[in-house]
C-alpha cells in the first residue's frame, strides 16, 4: 500500500532520528501501525497489528534485537 492511499494518517519520525534522513516514519492507525521510509514516502509501507508492533517495540527496548 502506498502512503498516498492513507491520506489521513498522521506520520511521525522519532525525535532521535538522524538529520541525514535515514529513518522511518510511523503512523498509528485505528487497528494497526504503519511504517514507511521517511525519504521515500510513496514507495510503500509495512503494516503491523497493534499486538505485533507492541511486541516488537518491547523487544527493541529490552535489547532483544542487535541494532
PDB file of N, CA and C in Angstrom:
ATOM      1  N   UNK A   1       0.836  -1.174   0.000  1.00  0.00           N
ATOM      2  CA  UNK A   1       0.000   0.000   0.000  1.00  0.00           C
ATOM      3  C   UNK A   1       0.883   1.240   0.000  1.00  0.00           C
ATOM      4  N   UNK A   2       0.541   2.217  -0.816  1.00  0.00           N
ATOM      5  CA  UNK A   2       1.311   3.455  -0.883  1.00  0.00           C
ATOM      6  C   UNK A   2       0.851   4.411   0.207  1.00  0.00           C
ATOM      7  N   UNK A   3       1.768   5.292   0.630  1.00  0.00           N
ATOM      8  CA  UNK A   3       1.430   6.287   1.654  1.00  0.00           C
ATOM      9  C   UNK A   3       0.269   7.162   1.206  1.00  0.00           C
ATOM     10  N   UNK A   4       0.193   7.450  -0.073  1.00  0.00           N
ATOM     11  CA  UNK A   4      -0.894   8.293  -0.577  1.00  0.00           C
ATOM     12  C   UNK A   4      -2.256   7.613  -0.437  1.00  0.00           C
ATOM     13  N   UNK A   5      -2.266   6.296  -0.218  1.00  0.00           N
ATOM     14  CA  UNK A   5      -3.519   5.572  -0.005  1.00  0.00           C
ATOM     15  C   UNK A   5      -4.084   5.805   1.395  1.00  0.00           C
ATOM     16  N   UNK A   6      -3.294   6.393   2.272  1.00  0.00           N
ATOM     17  CA  UNK A   6      -3.724   6.700   3.633  1.00  0.00           C
ATOM     18  C   UNK A   6      -3.569   8.201   3.875  1.00  0.00           C
ATOM     19  N   UNK A   7      -4.390   9.027   3.214  1.00  0.00           N
ATOM     20  CA  UNK A   7      -4.208  10.476   3.308  1.00  0.00           C
ATOM     21  C   UNK A   7      -4.415  11.036   4.708  1.00  0.00           C
ATOM     22  N   UNK A   8      -5.209  10.375   5.546  1.00  0.00           N
ATOM     23  CA  UNK A   8      -5.481  10.912   6.875  1.00  0.00           C
ATOM     24  C   UNK A   8      -4.512  10.387   7.935  1.00  0.00           C
ATOM     25  N   UNK A   9      -3.587   9.539   7.553  1.00  0.00           N
ATOM     26  CA  UNK A   9      -2.620   9.016   8.519  1.00  0.00           C
ATOM     27  C   UNK A   9      -1.679  10.130   8.958  1.00  0.00           C
ATOM     28  N   UNK A  10      -1.444  10.219  10.259  1.00  0.00           N
ATOM     29  CA  UNK A  10      -0.525  11.221  10.813  1.00  0.00           C
ATOM     30  C   UNK A  10       0.848  10.565  10.979  1.00  0.00           C
ATOM     31  N   UNK A  11       1.722  10.783  10.026  1.00  0.00           N
ATOM     32  CA  UNK A  11       3.051  10.185  10.044  1.00  0.00           C
ATOM     33  C   UNK A  11       3.973  10.992  10.935  1.00  0.00           C
ATOM     34  N   UNK A  12       4.849  10.296  11.675  1.00  0.00           N
ATOM     35  CA  UNK A  12       5.826  10.982  12.514  1.00  0.00           C
ATOM     36  C   UNK A  12       7.135  10.209  12.507  1.00  0.00           C
ATOM     37  N   UNK A  13       8.198  10.910  12.794  1.00  0.00           N
ATOM     38  CA  UNK A  13       9.506  10.277  12.925  1.00  0.00           C
ATOM     39  C   UNK A  13       9.979  10.454  14.357  1.00  0.00           C
ATOM     40  N   UNK A  14      10.908   9.635  14.762  1.00  0.00           N
ATOM     41  CA  UNK A  14      11.433   9.686  16.116  1.00  0.00           C
ATOM     42  C   UNK A  14      12.192  10.980  16.369  1.00  0.00           C
ATOM     43  N   UNK A  15      12.150  11.443  17.602  1.00  0.00           N
ATOM     44  CA  UNK A  15      12.955  12.601  17.996  1.00  0.00           C
ATOM     45  C   UNK A  15      14.440  12.285  17.872  1.00  0.00           C
ATOM     46  N   UNK A  16      14.771  11.017  17.892  1.00  0.00           N
ATOM     47  CA  UNK A  16      16.166  10.576  17.811  1.00  0.00           C
ATOM     48  C   UNK A  16      16.628  10.323  16.380  1.00  0.00           C
ATOM     49  N   UNK A  17      15.787  10.632  15.391  1.00  0.00           N
ATOM     50  CA  UNK A  17      16.180  10.361  14.002  1.00  0.00           C
ATOM     51  C   UNK A  17      17.402  11.187  13.624  1.00  0.00           C
ATOM     52  N   UNK A  18      18.128  10.627  12.692  1.00  0.00           N
ATOM     53  CA  UNK A  18      19.323  11.297  12.178  1.00  0.00           C
ATOM     54  C   UNK A  18      18.902  12.436  11.253  1.00  0.00           C
ATOM     55  N   UNK A  19      19.689  13.478  11.207  1.00  0.00           N
ATOM     56  CA  UNK A  19      19.387  14.622  10.342  1.00  0.00           C
ATOM     57  C   UNK A  19      19.588  14.289   8.862  1.00  0.00           C
ATOM     58  N   UNK A  20      20.313  13.192   8.562  1.00  0.00           N
ATOM     59  CA  UNK A  20      20.549  12.818   7.169  1.00  0.00           C
ATOM     60  C   UNK A  20      19.334  12.140   6.537  1.00  0.00           C
ATOM     61  N   UNK A  21      18.260  11.987   7.286  1.00  0.00           N
ATOM     62  CA  UNK A  21      17.037  11.431   6.738  1.00  0.00           C
ATOM     63  C   UNK A  21      16.956   9.920   6.752  1.00  0.00           C
ATOM     64  N   UNK A  22      17.936   9.253   7.333  1.00  0.00           N
ATOM     65  CA  UNK A  22      17.904   7.789   7.383  1.00  0.00           C
ATOM     66  C   UNK A  22      17.086   7.332   8.587  1.00  0.00           C
ATOM     67  N   UNK A  23      15.789   7.342   8.398  1.00  0.00           N
ATOM     68  CA  UNK A  23      14.906   6.904   9.474  1.00  0.00           C
ATOM     69  C   UNK A  23      13.591   6.432   8.866  1.00  0.00           C
ATOM     70  N   UNK A  24      12.736   5.958   9.715  1.00  0.00           N
ATOM     71  CA  UNK A  24      11.421   5.524   9.279  1.00  0.00           C
ATOM     72  C   UNK A  24      10.377   6.459   9.867  1.00  0.00           C
ATOM     73  N   UNK A  25       9.239   6.508   9.228  1.00  0.00           N
ATOM     74  CA  UNK A  25       8.092   7.250   9.736  1.00  0.00           C
ATOM     75  C   UNK A  25       7.047   6.229  10.166  1.00  0.00           C
ATOM     76  N   UNK A  26       6.312   6.554  11.217  1.00  0.00           N
ATOM     77  CA  UNK A  26       5.319   5.646  11.784  1.00  0.00           C
ATOM     78  C   UNK A  26       3.985   6.370  11.853  1.00  0.00           C
ATOM     79  N   UNK A  27       2.922   5.651  11.530  1.00  0.00           N
ATOM     80  CA  UNK A  27       1.565   6.197  11.653  1.00  0.00           C
ATOM     81  C   UNK A  27       0.731   5.212  12.464  1.00  0.00           C
ATOM     82  N   UNK A  28       0.077   5.718  13.490  1.00  0.00           N
ATOM     83  CA  UNK A  28      -0.822   4.882  14.287  1.00  0.00           C
ATOM     84  C   UNK A  28      -2.199   4.940  13.649  1.00  0.00           C
ATOM     85  N   UNK A  29      -2.690   3.788  13.259  1.00  0.00           N
ATOM     86  CA  UNK A  29      -3.991   3.657  12.600  1.00  0.00           C
ATOM     87  C   UNK A  29      -4.986   3.069  13.596  1.00  0.00           C
ATOM     88  N   UNK A  30      -6.265   3.031  13.277  1.00  0.00           N
ATOM     89  CA  UNK A  30      -7.245   2.516  14.235  1.00  0.00           C
ATOM     90  C   UNK A  30      -6.940   1.116  14.771  1.00  0.00           C
ATOM     91  N   UNK A  31      -6.509   0.192  13.912  1.00  0.00           N
ATOM     92  CA  UNK A  31      -6.251  -1.174  14.375  1.00  0.00           C
ATOM     93  C   UNK A  31      -4.878  -1.690  13.979  1.00  0.00           C
ATOM     94  N   UNK A  32      -3.981  -0.767  13.635  1.00  0.00           N
ATOM     95  CA  UNK A  32      -2.668  -1.179  13.154  1.00  0.00           C
ATOM     96  C   UNK A  32      -1.670  -0.034  13.281  1.00  0.00           C
ATOM     97  N   UNK A  33      -0.421  -0.358  12.962  1.00  0.00           N
ATOM     98  CA  UNK A  33       0.645   0.639  12.893  1.00  0.00           C
ATOM     99  C   UNK A  33       1.312   0.465  11.534  1.00  0.00           C
ATOM    100  N   UNK A  34       1.484   1.572  10.825  1.00  0.00           N
ATOM    101  CA  UNK A  34       2.127   1.536   9.516  1.00  0.00           C
ATOM    102  C   UNK A  34       3.518   2.152   9.633  1.00  0.00           C
ATOM    103  N   UNK A  35       4.466   1.607   8.883  1.00  0.00           N
ATOM    104  CA  UNK A  35       5.850   2.069   8.901  1.00  0.00           C
ATOM    105  C   UNK A  35       6.288   2.280   7.454  1.00  0.00           C
ATOM    106  N   UNK A  36       6.999   3.379   7.189  1.00  0.00           N
ATOM    107  CA  UNK A  36       7.475   3.668   5.838  1.00  0.00           C
ATOM    108  C   UNK A  36       8.857   4.321   5.893  1.00  0.00           C
ATOM    109  N   UNK A  37       9.527   4.342   4.777  1.00  0.00           N
ATOM    110  CA  UNK A  37      10.815   5.017   4.620  1.00  0.00           C
ATOM    111  C   UNK A  37      10.532   6.515   4.569  1.00  0.00           C
ATOM    112  N   UNK A  38      11.155   7.280   5.456  1.00  0.00           N
ATOM    113  CA  UNK A  38      10.862   8.712   5.501  1.00  0.00           C
ATOM    114  C   UNK A  38      11.385   9.471   4.286  1.00  0.00           C
ATOM    115  N   UNK A  39      12.414   8.932   3.611  1.00  0.00           N
ATOM    116  CA  UNK A  39      12.951   9.597   2.428  1.00  0.00           C
ATOM    117  C   UNK A  39      12.153   9.277   1.172  1.00  0.00           C
ATOM    118  N   UNK A  40      11.431   8.160   1.167  1.00  0.00           N
ATOM    119  CA  UNK A  40      10.649   7.732   0.004  1.00  0.00           C
ATOM    120  C   UNK A  40       9.238   7.368   0.462  1.00  0.00           C
ATOM    121  N   UNK A  41       8.469   8.339   0.903  1.00  0.00           N
ATOM    122  CA  UNK A  41       7.168   8.033   1.492  1.00  0.00           C
ATOM    123  C   UNK A  41       6.173   7.353   0.568  1.00  0.00           C
ATOM    124  N   UNK A  42       6.324   7.507  -0.737  1.00  0.00           N
ATOM    125  CA  UNK A  42       5.382   6.868  -1.658  1.00  0.00           C
ATOM    126  C   UNK A  42       5.863   5.517  -2.172  1.00  0.00           C
ATOM    127  N   UNK A  43       6.943   5.005  -1.608  1.00  0.00           N
ATOM    128  CA  UNK A  43       7.478   3.729  -2.089  1.00  0.00           C
ATOM    129  C   UNK A  43       6.834   2.518  -1.417  1.00  0.00           C
ATOM    130  N   UNK A  44       5.881   2.745  -0.544  1.00  0.00           N
ATOM    131  CA  UNK A  44       5.197   1.644   0.111  1.00  0.00           C
ATOM    132  C   UNK A  44       5.357   1.710   1.609  1.00  0.00           C
ATOM    133  N   UNK A  45       4.678   0.822   2.278  1.00  0.00           N
ATOM    134  CA  UNK A  45       4.736   0.781   3.739  1.00  0.00           C
ATOM    135  C   UNK A  45       4.458  -0.624   4.220  1.00  0.00           C
ATOM    136  N   UNK A  46       4.856  -0.862   5.436  1.00  0.00           N
ATOM    137  CA  UNK A  46       4.552  -2.121   6.102  1.00  0.00           C
ATOM    138  C   UNK A  46       3.503  -1.821   7.160  1.00  0.00           C
ATOM    139  N   UNK A  47       2.551  -2.707   7.317  1.00  0.00           N
ATOM    140  CA  UNK A  47       1.506  -2.524   8.320  1.00  0.00           C
ATOM    141  C   UNK A  47       1.532  -3.704   9.278  1.00  0.00           C
ATOM    142  N   UNK A  48       1.496  -3.389  10.563  1.00  0.00           N
ATOM    143  CA  UNK A  48       1.554  -4.402  11.616  1.00  0.00           C
ATOM    144  C   UNK A  48       0.322  -4.292  12.502  1.00  0.00           C
ATOM    145  N   UNK A  49      -0.104  -5.405  13.063  1.00  0.00           N
ATOM    146  CA  UNK A  49      -1.173  -5.352  14.060  1.00  0.00           C
ATOM    147  C   UNK A  49      -0.626  -4.617  15.279  1.00  0.00           C
ATOM    148  N   UNK A  50      -1.523  -4.098  16.094  1.00  0.00           N
ATOM    149  CA  UNK A  50      -1.086  -3.411  17.311  1.00  0.00           C
ATOM    150  C   UNK A  50      -0.288  -4.351  18.220  1.00  0.00           C
ATOM    151  N   UNK A  51      -0.732  -5.593  18.338  1.00  0.00           N
ATOM    152  CA  UNK A  51      -0.036  -6.560  19.196  1.00  0.00           C
ATOM    153  C   UNK A  51       1.374  -6.839  18.684  1.00  0.00           C
ATOM    154  N   UNK A  52       1.519  -7.002  17.379  1.00  0.00           N
ATOM    155  CA  UNK A  52       2.841  -7.267  16.802  1.00  0.00           C
ATOM    156  C   UNK A  52       3.759  -6.061  16.997  1.00  0.00           C
ATOM    157  N   UNK A  53       3.240  -4.853  16.803  1.00  0.00           N
ATOM    158  CA  UNK A  53       4.049  -3.646  16.969  1.00  0.00           C
ATOM    159  C   UNK A  53       4.474  -3.470  18.424  1.00  0.00           C
ATOM    160  N   UNK A  54       3.553  -3.714  19.345  1.00  0.00           N
ATOM    161  CA  UNK A  54       3.890  -3.590  20.770  1.00  0.00           C
ATOM    162  C   UNK A  54       4.950  -4.604  21.169  1.00  0.00           C
ATOM    163  N   UNK A  55       4.845  -5.826  20.685  1.00  0.00           N
ATOM    164  CA  UNK A  55       5.842  -6.851  20.991  1.00  0.00           C
ATOM    165  C   UNK A  55       7.203  -6.456  20.422  1.00  0.00           C
ATOM    166  N   UNK A  56       7.232  -5.985  19.193  1.00  0.00           N
ATOM    167  CA  UNK A  56       8.476  -5.543  18.570  1.00  0.00           C
ATOM    168  C   UNK A  56       9.085  -4.374  19.345  1.00  0.00           C
ATOM    169  N   UNK A  57       8.270  -3.393  19.692  1.00  0.00           N
ATOM    170  CA  UNK A  57       8.754  -2.229  20.442  1.00  0.00           C
ATOM    171  C   UNK A  57       9.346  -2.640  21.786  1.00  0.00           C
ATOM    172  N   UNK A  58       8.692  -3.550  22.479  1.00  0.00           N
ATOM    173  CA  UNK A  58       9.219  -4.018  23.759  1.00  0.00           C
ATOM    174  C   UNK A  58      10.538  -4.760  23.572  1.00  0.00           C
ATOM    175  N   UNK A  59      10.629  -5.567  22.530  1.00  0.00           N
ATOM    176  CA  UNK A  59      11.888  -6.267  22.238  1.00  0.00           C
ATOM    177  C   UNK A  59      13.024  -5.277  22.004  1.00  0.00           C
ATOM    178  N   UNK A  60      12.749  -4.216  21.256  1.00  0.00           N
ATOM    179  CA  UNK A  60      13.768  -3.196  20.997  1.00  0.00           C
ATOM    180  C   UNK A  60      14.198  -2.551  22.310  1.00  0.00           C
ATOM    181  N   UNK A  61      13.236  -2.161  23.128  1.00  0.00           N
ATOM    182  CA  UNK A  61      13.545  -1.506  24.403  1.00  0.00           C
ATOM    183  C   UNK A  61      14.363  -2.393  25.327  1.00  0.00           C
ATOM    184  N   UNK A  62      14.149  -3.700  25.239  1.00  0.00           N
ATOM    185  CA  UNK A  62      14.858  -4.637  26.113  1.00  0.00           C
ATOM    186  C   UNK A  62      16.145  -5.179  25.490  1.00  0.00           C
ATOM    187  N   UNK A  63      16.514  -4.684  24.316  1.00  0.00           N
ATOM    188  CA  UNK A  63      17.765  -5.093  23.698  1.00  0.00           C
ATOM    189  C   UNK A  63      17.752  -6.475  23.058  1.00  0.00           C
ATOM    190  N   UNK A  64      16.572  -6.997  22.749  1.00  0.00           N
ATOM    191  CA  UNK A  64      16.470  -8.318  22.151  1.00  0.00           C
ATOM    192  C   UNK A  64      17.079  -8.364  20.756  1.00  0.00           C
ATOM    193  N   UNK A  65      16.945  -7.269  20.023  1.00  0.00           N
ATOM    194  CA  UNK A  65      17.473  -7.201  18.658  1.00  0.00           C
ATOM    195  C   UNK A  65      18.787  -6.438  18.662  1.00  0.00           C
ATOM    196  N   UNK A  66      19.767  -6.926  17.955  1.00  0.00           N
ATOM    197  CA  UNK A  66      21.067  -6.269  17.873  1.00  0.00           C
ATOM    198  C   UNK A  66      20.997  -5.185  16.801  1.00  0.00           C
ATOM    199  N   UNK A  67      20.810  -3.942  17.245  1.00  0.00           N
ATOM    200  CA  UNK A  67      20.693  -2.837  16.309  1.00  0.00           C
ATOM    201  C   UNK A  67      22.038  -2.175  16.155  1.00  0.00           C
TER     202      UNK A  67
END
